[in-house]
Amino acid sequence: SLEILAFDEAFLRLEREHPKAAAVVRLRFYAGLSVEETAAALSVSPRTVNREWTFARAWLHGTLGA
């Protein structure tokens, strides 16, 4: 559907502009990892994962809403 294509395009842009946030989205959304699992996989703190996750969701929402 068009929504899936729009999300994919937005995600690719997020990867280019904010790779750390995109890595969190990839692990949380696509792989289904928890905050703690994502933090361990990326060698960062759970707080960093939460910050990047919040940023990425807001960024994607703003991009897709535009």
C-alpha atoms as a PDB file:
ATOM      1  CA  SER A   1       0.000   0.000   0.000  1.00  0.00           C
ATOM      2  CA  LEU A   2       0.995   3.627  -0.286  1.00  0.00           C
ATOM      3  CA  GLU A   3       1.368   3.931   3.487  1.00  0.00           C
ATOM      4  CA  ILE A   4       3.994   1.180   3.584  1.00  0.00           C
ATOM      5  CA  LEU A   5       5.924   2.791   0.745  1.00  0.00           C
ATOM      6  CA  ALA A   6       5.758   6.173   2.470  1.00  0.00           C
ATOM      7  CA  PHE A   7       7.028   4.654   5.716  1.00  0.00           C
ATOM      8  CA  ASP A   8       9.860   2.872   3.903  1.00  0.00           C
ATOM      9  CA  GLU A   9      10.910   6.090   2.192  1.00  0.00           C
ATOM     10  CA  ALA A  10      10.781   7.981   5.493  1.00  0.00           C
ATOM     11  CA  PHE A  11      12.778   5.251   7.225  1.00  0.00           C
ATOM     12  CA  LEU A  12      15.466   5.340   4.526  1.00  0.00           C
ATOM     13  CA  ARG A  13      15.712   9.104   5.012  1.00  0.00           C
ATOM     14  CA  LEU A  14      15.977   8.598   8.778  1.00  0.00           C
ATOM     15  CA  GLU A  15      18.829   6.136   8.172  1.00  0.00           C
ATOM     16  CA  ARG A  16      20.712   8.731   6.139  1.00  0.00           C
ATOM     17  CA  GLU A  17      20.096  11.661   8.477  1.00  0.00           C
ATOM     18  CA  HIS A  18      20.023   9.962  11.893  1.00  0.00           C
ATOM     19  CA  PRO A  19      21.661   6.522  11.708  1.00  0.00           C
ATOM     20  CA  LYS A  20      21.667   5.913  15.476  1.00  0.00           C
ATOM     21  CA  ALA A  21      17.934   6.518  15.725  1.00  0.00           C
ATOM     22  CA  ALA A  22      17.359   4.300  12.679  1.00  0.00           C
ATOM     23  CA  ALA A  23      19.353   1.496  14.300  1.00  0.00           C
ATOM     24  CA  VAL A  24      17.077   1.676  17.329  1.00  0.00           C
ATOM     25  CA  VAL A  25      13.968   1.584  15.125  1.00  0.00           C
ATOM     26  CA  ARG A  26      15.360  -1.395  13.216  1.00  0.00           C
ATOM     27  CA  LEU A  27      15.917  -3.379  16.406  1.00  0.00           C
ATOM     28  CA  ARG A  28      12.806  -2.275  18.300  1.00  0.00           C
ATOM     29  CA  PHE A  29      10.249  -2.210  15.464  1.00  0.00           C
ATOM     30  CA  TYR A  30      11.500  -4.778  12.975  1.00  0.00           C
ATOM     31  CA  ALA A  31      13.299  -7.222  15.279  1.00  0.00           C
ATOM     32  CA  GLY A  32      10.943  -6.762  18.241  1.00  0.00           C
ATOM     33  CA  LEU A  33      13.696  -6.309  20.815  1.00  0.00           C
ATOM     34  CA  SER A  34      13.047  -4.740  24.198  1.00  0.00           C
ATOM     35  CA  VAL A  35      14.740  -1.556  25.312  1.00  0.00           C
ATOM     36  CA  GLU A  36      17.244  -3.571  27.336  1.00  0.00           C
ATOM     37  CA  GLU A  37      17.979  -5.975  24.453  1.00  0.00           C
ATOM     38  CA  THR A  38      18.409  -3.071  22.044  1.00  0.00           C
ATOM     39  CA  ALA A  39      20.770  -1.320  24.457  1.00  0.00           C
ATOM     40  CA  ALA A  40      22.881  -4.454  24.755  1.00  0.00           C
ATOM     41  CA  ALA A  41      22.957  -4.984  20.978  1.00  0.00           C
ATOM     42  CA  LEU A  42      24.068  -1.397  20.359  1.00  0.00           C
ATOM     43  CA  SER A  43      26.353  -1.160  23.415  1.00  0.00           C
ATOM     44  CA  VAL A  44      24.510   1.877  24.772  1.00  0.00           C
ATOM     45  CA  SER A  45      22.424   2.546  27.860  1.00  0.00           C
ATOM     46  CA  PRO A  46      18.671   1.875  27.995  1.00  0.00           C
ATOM     47  CA  ARG A  47      18.234   5.617  28.529  1.00  0.00           C
ATOM     48  CA  THR A  48      19.968   6.300  25.199  1.00  0.00           C
ATOM     49  CA  VAL A  49      17.708   3.765  23.500  1.00  0.00           C
ATOM     50  CA  ASN A  50      14.627   5.454  24.971  1.00  0.00           C
ATOM     51  CA  ARG A  51      15.849   8.878  23.838  1.00  0.00           C
ATOM     52  CA  GLU A  52      16.599   7.695  20.280  1.00  0.00           C
ATOM     53  CA  TRP A  53      13.308   5.749  20.124  1.00  0.00           C
ATOM     54  CA  THR A  54      11.314   8.795  21.209  1.00  0.00           C
ATOM     55  CA  PHE A  55      13.159  11.008  18.737  1.00  0.00           C
ATOM     56  CA  ALA A  56      12.733   8.538  15.863  1.00  0.00           C
ATOM     57  CA  ARG A  57       9.001   8.088  16.469  1.00  0.00           C
ATOM     58  CA  ALA A  58       8.463  11.863  16.571  1.00  0.00           C
ATOM     59  CA  TRP A  59      10.655  12.389  13.495  1.00  0.00           C
ATOM     60  CA  LEU A  60       8.846   9.695  11.507  1.00  0.00           C
ATOM     61  CA  HIS A  61       5.453  10.979  12.596  1.00  0.00           C
ATOM     62  CA  GLY A  62       6.371  14.502  11.561  1.00  0.00           C
ATOM     63  CA  THR A  63       7.799  13.322   8.252  1.00  0.00           C
ATOM     64  CA  LEU A  64       4.839  11.113   7.418  1.00  0.00           C
ATOM     65  CA  GLY A  65       2.360  13.763   8.503  1.00  0.00           C
ATOM     66  CA  ALA A  66       3.892  16.384   6.223  1.00  0.00           C
END
